[in-house]
Amino acid sequence: MSISVARDLVKHELTKHIGVDAFYTRASVQAQVIALQYVPSDLQLADFFTKAQTRAQHDFLLSKLSVVDPP
């Protein structure tokens, strides 16, 4: 979703609440200052803090964050 919002100039109805951020990101993408890449849901590190995880997902995301589960 964020990649399409950054590339499409006509997404106003979806970005009203993030107008300034979307404008800045879109301008940065067009100026080739940043490049947005797709990241699948199961690799989203932010999900660790916002969604329930299976034990396997939990351990995987902990390893990505360089955090060790206490014994």
PDB file of N, CA and C in Angstrom:
ATOM      1  N   MET A   1       0.814  -1.191   0.000  1.00  0.00           N
ATOM      2  CA  MET A   1       0.000   0.000   0.000  1.00  0.00           C
ATOM      3  C   MET A   1       0.860   1.259   0.000  1.00  0.00           C
ATOM      4  N   SER A   2       1.869   1.320   0.854  1.00  0.00           N
ATOM      5  CA  SER A   2       2.672   2.538   0.924  1.00  0.00           C
ATOM      6  C   SER A   2       3.453   2.785  -0.358  1.00  0.00           C
ATOM      7  N   ILE A   3       3.867   1.717  -1.028  1.00  0.00           N
ATOM      8  CA  ILE A   3       4.583   1.890  -2.289  1.00  0.00           C
ATOM      9  C   ILE A   3       3.657   2.488  -3.338  1.00  0.00           C
ATOM     10  N   SER A   4       2.420   2.013  -3.412  1.00  0.00           N
ATOM     11  CA  SER A   4       1.484   2.562  -4.398  1.00  0.00           C
ATOM     12  C   SER A   4       1.108   4.006  -4.071  1.00  0.00           C
ATOM     13  N   VAL A   5       0.995   4.338  -2.799  1.00  0.00           N
ATOM     14  CA  VAL A   5       0.687   5.722  -2.404  1.00  0.00           C
ATOM     15  C   VAL A   5       1.844   6.641  -2.785  1.00  0.00           C
ATOM     16  N   ALA A   6       3.082   6.171  -2.608  1.00  0.00           N
ATOM     17  CA  ALA A   6       4.243   6.995  -2.936  1.00  0.00           C
ATOM     18  C   ALA A   6       4.385   7.204  -4.437  1.00  0.00           C
ATOM     19  N   ARG A   7       3.952   6.240  -5.231  1.00  0.00           N
ATOM     20  CA  ARG A   7       4.103   6.342  -6.680  1.00  0.00           C
ATOM     21  C   ARG A   7       2.926   7.034  -7.366  1.00  0.00           C
ATOM     22  N   ASP A   8       1.732   6.944  -6.783  1.00  0.00           N
ATOM     23  CA  ASP A   8       0.526   7.461  -7.428  1.00  0.00           C
ATOM     24  C   ASP A   8       0.173   8.823  -6.863  1.00  0.00           C
ATOM     25  N   LEU A   9       0.072   9.808  -7.721  1.00  0.00           N
ATOM     26  CA  LEU A   9      -0.247  11.163  -7.275  1.00  0.00           C
ATOM     27  C   LEU A   9      -1.721  11.338  -6.927  1.00  0.00           C
ATOM     28  N   VAL A  10      -2.573  10.369  -7.257  1.00  0.00           N
ATOM     29  CA  VAL A  10      -4.007  10.523  -7.054  1.00  0.00           C
ATOM     30  C   VAL A  10      -4.501   9.495  -6.043  1.00  0.00           C
ATOM     31  N   LYS A  11      -4.010   9.554  -4.844  1.00  0.00           N
ATOM     32  CA  LYS A  11      -4.456   8.670  -3.766  1.00  0.00           C
ATOM     33  C   LYS A  11      -4.963   9.505  -2.593  1.00  0.00           C
ATOM     34  N   HIS A  12      -5.534  10.643  -2.881  1.00  0.00           N
ATOM     35  CA  HIS A  12      -5.905  11.584  -1.827  1.00  0.00           C
ATOM     36  C   HIS A  12      -6.885  11.008  -0.821  1.00  0.00           C
ATOM     37  N   GLU A  13      -7.855  10.238  -1.259  1.00  0.00           N
ATOM     38  CA  GLU A  13      -8.862   9.709  -0.331  1.00  0.00           C
ATOM     39  C   GLU A  13      -8.262   8.721   0.656  1.00  0.00           C
ATOM     40  N   LEU A  14      -7.136   8.112   0.304  1.00  0.00           N
ATOM     41  CA  LEU A  14      -6.503   7.144   1.198  1.00  0.00           C
ATOM     42  C   LEU A  14      -5.448   7.776   2.097  1.00  0.00           C
ATOM     43  N   THR A  15      -5.024   8.977   1.784  1.00  0.00           N
ATOM     44  CA  THR A  15      -3.895   9.559   2.501  1.00  0.00           C
ATOM     45  C   THR A  15      -4.215  10.860   3.222  1.00  0.00           C
ATOM     46  N   LYS A  16      -5.470  11.158   3.438  1.00  0.00           N
ATOM     47  CA  LYS A  16      -5.816  12.417   4.098  1.00  0.00           C
ATOM     48  C   LYS A  16      -5.172  12.523   5.478  1.00  0.00           C
ATOM     49  N   HIS A  17      -5.127  11.419   6.221  1.00  0.00           N
ATOM     50  CA  HIS A  17      -4.596  11.447   7.582  1.00  0.00           C
ATOM     51  C   HIS A  17      -3.067  11.451   7.617  1.00  0.00           C
ATOM     52  N   ILE A  18      -2.418  11.195   6.496  1.00  0.00           N
ATOM     53  CA  ILE A  18      -0.960  11.198   6.449  1.00  0.00           C
ATOM     54  C   ILE A  18      -0.461  12.114   5.333  1.00  0.00           C
ATOM     55  N   GLY A  19      -1.168  13.167   5.072  1.00  0.00           N
ATOM     56  CA  GLY A  19      -0.889  14.038   3.937  1.00  0.00           C
ATOM     57  C   GLY A  19       0.540  14.527   3.828  1.00  0.00           C
ATOM     58  N   VAL A  20       1.093  15.106   4.880  1.00  0.00           N
ATOM     59  CA  VAL A  20       2.446  15.656   4.826  1.00  0.00           C
ATOM     60  C   VAL A  20       3.463  14.532   4.656  1.00  0.00           C
ATOM     61  N   ASP A  21       3.310  13.447   5.408  1.00  0.00           N
ATOM     62  CA  ASP A  21       4.233  12.316   5.305  1.00  0.00           C
ATOM     63  C   ASP A  21       4.194  11.702   3.911  1.00  0.00           C
ATOM     64  N   ALA A  22       2.997  11.533   3.353  1.00  0.00           N
ATOM     65  CA  ALA A  22       2.864  10.952   2.022  1.00  0.00           C
ATOM     66  C   ALA A  22       3.482  11.876   0.975  1.00  0.00           C
ATOM     67  N   PHE A  23       3.281  13.173   1.105  1.00  0.00           N
ATOM     68  CA  PHE A  23       3.855  14.131   0.167  1.00  0.00           C
ATOM     69  C   PHE A  23       5.379  14.079   0.213  1.00  0.00           C
ATOM     70  N   TYR A  24       5.948  14.076   1.422  1.00  0.00           N
ATOM     71  CA  TYR A  24       7.399  14.034   1.577  1.00  0.00           C
ATOM     72  C   TYR A  24       7.980  12.737   1.016  1.00  0.00           C
ATOM     73  N   THR A  25       7.327  11.617   1.309  1.00  0.00           N
ATOM     74  CA  THR A  25       7.794  10.325   0.806  1.00  0.00           C
ATOM     75  C   THR A  25       7.707  10.280  -0.711  1.00  0.00           C
ATOM     76  N   ARG A  26       6.585  10.735  -1.261  1.00  0.00           N
ATOM     77  CA  ARG A  26       6.414  10.756  -2.719  1.00  0.00           C
ATOM     78  C   ARG A  26       7.491  11.612  -3.381  1.00  0.00           C
ATOM     79  N   ALA A  27       7.771  12.784  -2.825  1.00  0.00           N
ATOM     80  CA  ALA A  27       8.796  13.663  -3.385  1.00  0.00           C
ATOM     81  C   ALA A  27      10.175  13.013  -3.297  1.00  0.00           C
ATOM     82  N   SER A  28      10.452  12.329  -2.207  1.00  0.00           N
ATOM     83  CA  SER A  28      11.750  11.657  -2.040  1.00  0.00           C
ATOM     84  C   SER A  28      11.913  10.503  -3.019  1.00  0.00           C
ATOM     85  N   VAL A  29      10.829   9.766  -3.288  1.00  0.00           N
ATOM     86  CA  VAL A  29      10.880   8.673  -4.258  1.00  0.00           C
ATOM     87  C   VAL A  29      11.100   9.238  -5.658  1.00  0.00           C
ATOM     88  N   GLN A  30      10.380  10.283  -6.004  1.00  0.00           N
ATOM     89  CA  GLN A  30      10.512  10.874  -7.339  1.00  0.00           C
ATOM     90  C   GLN A  30      11.905  11.474  -7.559  1.00  0.00           C
ATOM     91  N   ALA A  31      12.499  12.011  -6.494  1.00  0.00           N
ATOM     92  CA  ALA A  31      13.846  12.577  -6.592  1.00  0.00           C
ATOM     93  C   ALA A  31      14.916  11.498  -6.481  1.00  0.00           C
ATOM     94  N   GLN A  32      14.505  10.266  -6.322  1.00  0.00           N
ATOM     95  CA  GLN A  32      15.382   9.107  -6.183  1.00  0.00           C
ATOM     96  C   GLN A  32      16.322   9.228  -4.982  1.00  0.00           C
ATOM     97  N   VAL A  33      15.823   9.869  -3.929  1.00  0.00           N
ATOM     98  CA  VAL A  33      16.565   9.952  -2.674  1.00  0.00           C
ATOM     99  C   VAL A  33      16.392   8.648  -1.905  1.00  0.00           C
ATOM    100  N   ILE A  34      15.191   8.073  -1.981  1.00  0.00           N
ATOM    101  CA  ILE A  34      14.920   6.789  -1.351  1.00  0.00           C
ATOM    102  C   ILE A  34      14.309   5.847  -2.378  1.00  0.00           C
ATOM    103  N   ALA A  35      14.427   4.564  -2.122  1.00  0.00           N
ATOM    104  CA  ALA A  35      13.804   3.539  -2.960  1.00  0.00           C
ATOM    105  C   ALA A  35      12.982   2.642  -2.046  1.00  0.00           C
ATOM    106  N   LEU A  36      11.713   2.497  -2.340  1.00  0.00           N
ATOM    107  CA  LEU A  36      10.842   1.670  -1.526  1.00  0.00           C
ATOM    108  C   LEU A  36      10.872   0.242  -2.048  1.00  0.00           C
ATOM    109  N   GLN A  37      10.933  -0.726  -1.129  1.00  0.00           N
ATOM    110  CA  GLN A  37      10.957  -2.131  -1.496  1.00  0.00           C
ATOM    111  C   GLN A  37       9.857  -2.854  -0.755  1.00  0.00           C
ATOM    112  N   TYR A  38       9.263  -3.831  -1.431  1.00  0.00           N
ATOM    113  CA  TYR A  38       8.224  -4.652  -0.830  1.00  0.00           C
ATOM    114  C   TYR A  38       8.844  -5.581   0.213  1.00  0.00           C
ATOM    115  N   VAL A  39       8.199  -5.677   1.358  1.00  0.00           N
ATOM    116  CA  VAL A  39       8.603  -6.610   2.406  1.00  0.00           C
ATOM    117  C   VAL A  39       7.370  -7.427   2.762  1.00  0.00           C
ATOM    118  N   PRO A  40       7.433  -8.767   2.612  1.00  0.00           N
ATOM    119  CA  PRO A  40       6.274  -9.603   2.926  1.00  0.00           C
ATOM    120  C   PRO A  40       5.876  -9.486   4.397  1.00  0.00           C
ATOM    121  N   SER A  41       4.628  -9.730   4.686  1.00  0.00           N
ATOM    122  CA  SER A  41       4.091  -9.586   6.039  1.00  0.00           C
ATOM    123  C   SER A  41       4.851 -10.397   7.076  1.00  0.00           C
ATOM    124  N   ASP A  42       5.260 -11.605   6.712  1.00  0.00           N
ATOM    125  CA  ASP A  42       5.923 -12.444   7.709  1.00  0.00           C
ATOM    126  C   ASP A  42       7.335 -11.962   8.045  1.00  0.00           C
ATOM    127  N   LEU A  43       7.855 -10.971   7.326  1.00  0.00           N
ATOM    128  CA  LEU A  43       9.168 -10.412   7.624  1.00  0.00           C
ATOM    129  C   LEU A  43       9.091  -8.997   8.190  1.00  0.00           C
ATOM    130  N   GLN A  44       7.897  -8.492   8.424  1.00  0.00           N
ATOM    131  CA  GLN A  44       7.716  -7.143   8.960  1.00  0.00           C
ATOM    132  C   GLN A  44       8.092  -7.119  10.436  1.00  0.00           C
ATOM    133  N   LEU A  45       9.191  -6.463  10.772  1.00  0.00           N
ATOM    134  CA  LEU A  45       9.631  -6.419  12.162  1.00  0.00           C
ATOM    135  C   LEU A  45       8.663  -5.645  13.053  1.00  0.00           C
ATOM    136  N   ALA A  46       7.969  -4.663  12.508  1.00  0.00           N
ATOM    137  CA  ALA A  46       7.024  -3.888  13.306  1.00  0.00           C
ATOM    138  C   ALA A  46       5.875  -4.757  13.805  1.00  0.00           C
ATOM    139  N   ASP A  47       5.545  -5.823  13.078  1.00  0.00           N
ATOM    140  CA  ASP A  47       4.467  -6.712  13.499  1.00  0.00           C
ATOM    141  C   ASP A  47       4.756  -7.358  14.844  1.00  0.00           C
ATOM    142  N   PHE A  48       6.020  -7.489  15.176  1.00  0.00           N
ATOM    143  CA  PHE A  48       6.404  -8.070  16.463  1.00  0.00           C
ATOM    144  C   PHE A  48       5.785  -7.292  17.624  1.00  0.00           C
ATOM    145  N   PHE A  49       5.675  -5.998  17.457  1.00  0.00           N
ATOM    146  CA  PHE A  49       5.175  -5.140  18.526  1.00  0.00           C
ATOM    147  C   PHE A  49       3.671  -4.907  18.467  1.00  0.00           C
ATOM    148  N   THR A  50       3.035  -5.293  17.367  1.00  0.00           N
ATOM    149  CA  THR A  50       1.626  -4.945  17.203  1.00  0.00           C
ATOM    150  C   THR A  50       0.682  -6.120  16.988  1.00  0.00           C
ATOM    151  N   LYS A  51       1.218  -7.314  16.711  1.00  0.00           N
ATOM    152  CA  LYS A  51       0.347  -8.440  16.386  1.00  0.00           C
ATOM    153  C   LYS A  51       0.754  -9.693  17.146  1.00  0.00           C
ATOM    154  N   ALA A  52      -0.211 -10.560  17.346  1.00  0.00           N
ATOM    155  CA  ALA A  52       0.074 -11.844  17.983  1.00  0.00           C
ATOM    156  C   ALA A  52       0.936 -12.691  17.042  1.00  0.00           C
ATOM    157  N   GLN A  53       1.863 -13.432  17.612  1.00  0.00           N
ATOM    158  CA  GLN A  53       2.787 -14.244  16.831  1.00  0.00           C
ATOM    159  C   GLN A  53       2.765 -15.689  17.316  1.00  0.00           C
ATOM    160  N   THR A  54       3.050 -16.609  16.402  1.00  0.00           N
ATOM    161  CA  THR A  54       3.285 -17.990  16.816  1.00  0.00           C
ATOM    162  C   THR A  54       4.666 -18.025  17.477  1.00  0.00           C
ATOM    163  N   ARG A  55       4.951 -19.114  18.165  1.00  0.00           N
ATOM    164  CA  ARG A  55       6.257 -19.222  18.824  1.00  0.00           C
ATOM    165  C   ARG A  55       7.390 -19.148  17.794  1.00  0.00           C
ATOM    166  N   ALA A  56       7.198 -19.805  16.646  1.00  0.00           N
ATOM    167  CA  ALA A  56       8.221 -19.794  15.597  1.00  0.00           C
ATOM    168  C   ALA A  56       8.434 -18.372  15.053  1.00  0.00           C
ATOM    169  N   GLN A  57       7.337 -17.639  14.808  1.00  0.00           N
ATOM    170  CA  GLN A  57       7.452 -16.264  14.333  1.00  0.00           C
ATOM    171  C   GLN A  57       8.125 -15.389  15.386  1.00  0.00           C
ATOM    172  N   HIS A  58       7.739 -15.600  16.640  1.00  0.00           N
ATOM    173  CA  HIS A  58       8.310 -14.850  17.755  1.00  0.00           C
ATOM    174  C   HIS A  58       9.830 -15.049  17.804  1.00  0.00           C
ATOM    175  N   ASP A  59      10.269 -16.292  17.756  1.00  0.00           N
ATOM    176  CA  ASP A  59      11.706 -16.589  17.798  1.00  0.00           C
ATOM    177  C   ASP A  59      12.432 -16.002  16.590  1.00  0.00           C
ATOM    178  N   PHE A  60      11.815 -16.103  15.411  1.00  0.00           N
ATOM    179  CA  PHE A  60      12.426 -15.555  14.198  1.00  0.00           C
ATOM    180  C   PHE A  60      12.599 -14.048  14.316  1.00  0.00           C
ATOM    181  N   LEU A  61      11.547 -13.351  14.749  1.00  0.00           N
ATOM    182  CA  LEU A  61      11.623 -11.894  14.850  1.00  0.00           C
ATOM    183  C   LEU A  61      12.589 -11.455  15.957  1.00  0.00           C
ATOM    184  N   LEU A  62      12.656 -12.221  17.052  1.00  0.00           N
ATOM    185  CA  LEU A  62      13.654 -11.921  18.079  1.00  0.00           C
ATOM    186  C   LEU A  62      15.065 -12.011  17.515  1.00  0.00           C
ATOM    187  N   SER A  63      15.317 -13.026  16.695  1.00  0.00           N
ATOM    188  CA  SER A  63      16.650 -13.172  16.105  1.00  0.00           C
ATOM    189  C   SER A  63      16.939 -12.004  15.158  1.00  0.00           C
ATOM    190  N   LYS A  64      15.933 -11.536  14.422  1.00  0.00           N
ATOM    191  CA  LYS A  64      16.130 -10.401  13.527  1.00  0.00           C
ATOM    192  C   LYS A  64      16.418  -9.120  14.290  1.00  0.00           C
ATOM    193  N   LEU A  65      15.856  -9.017  15.484  1.00  0.00           N
ATOM    194  CA  LEU A  65      16.084  -7.844  16.317  1.00  0.00           C
ATOM    195  C   LEU A  65      17.336  -7.979  17.176  1.00  0.00           C
ATOM    196  N   SER A  66      18.032  -9.112  17.042  1.00  0.00           N
ATOM    197  CA  SER A  66      19.245  -9.401  17.842  1.00  0.00           C
ATOM    198  C   SER A  66      18.932  -9.423  19.329  1.00  0.00           C
ATOM    199  N   VAL A  67      17.792  -9.987  19.667  1.00  0.00           N
ATOM    200  CA  VAL A  67      17.383 -10.118  21.061  1.00  0.00           C
ATOM    201  C   VAL A  67      17.357 -11.602  21.409  1.00  0.00           C
ATOM    202  N   VAL A  68      17.820 -11.928  22.603  1.00  0.00           N
ATOM    203  CA  VAL A  68      17.833 -13.327  23.021  1.00  0.00           C
ATOM    204  C   VAL A  68      16.757 -13.525  24.067  1.00  0.00           C
ATOM    205  N   ASP A  69      15.957 -14.574  23.883  1.00  0.00           N
ATOM    206  CA  ASP A  69      14.946 -14.933  24.866  1.00  0.00           C
ATOM    207  C   ASP A  69      15.618 -15.439  26.125  1.00  0.00           C
ATOM    208  N   PRO A  70      15.207 -14.974  27.305  1.00  0.00           N
ATOM    209  CA  PRO A  70      15.848 -15.464  28.540  1.00  0.00           C
ATOM    210  C   PRO A  70      15.573 -16.960  28.708  1.00  0.00           C
ATOM    211  N   PRO A  71      16.513 -17.648  29.345  1.00  0.00           N
ATOM    212  CA  PRO A  71      16.336 -19.114  29.510  1.00  0.00           C
ATOM    213  C   PRO A  71      15.183 -19.483  30.413  1.00  0.00           C
TER     214      PRO A  71
END
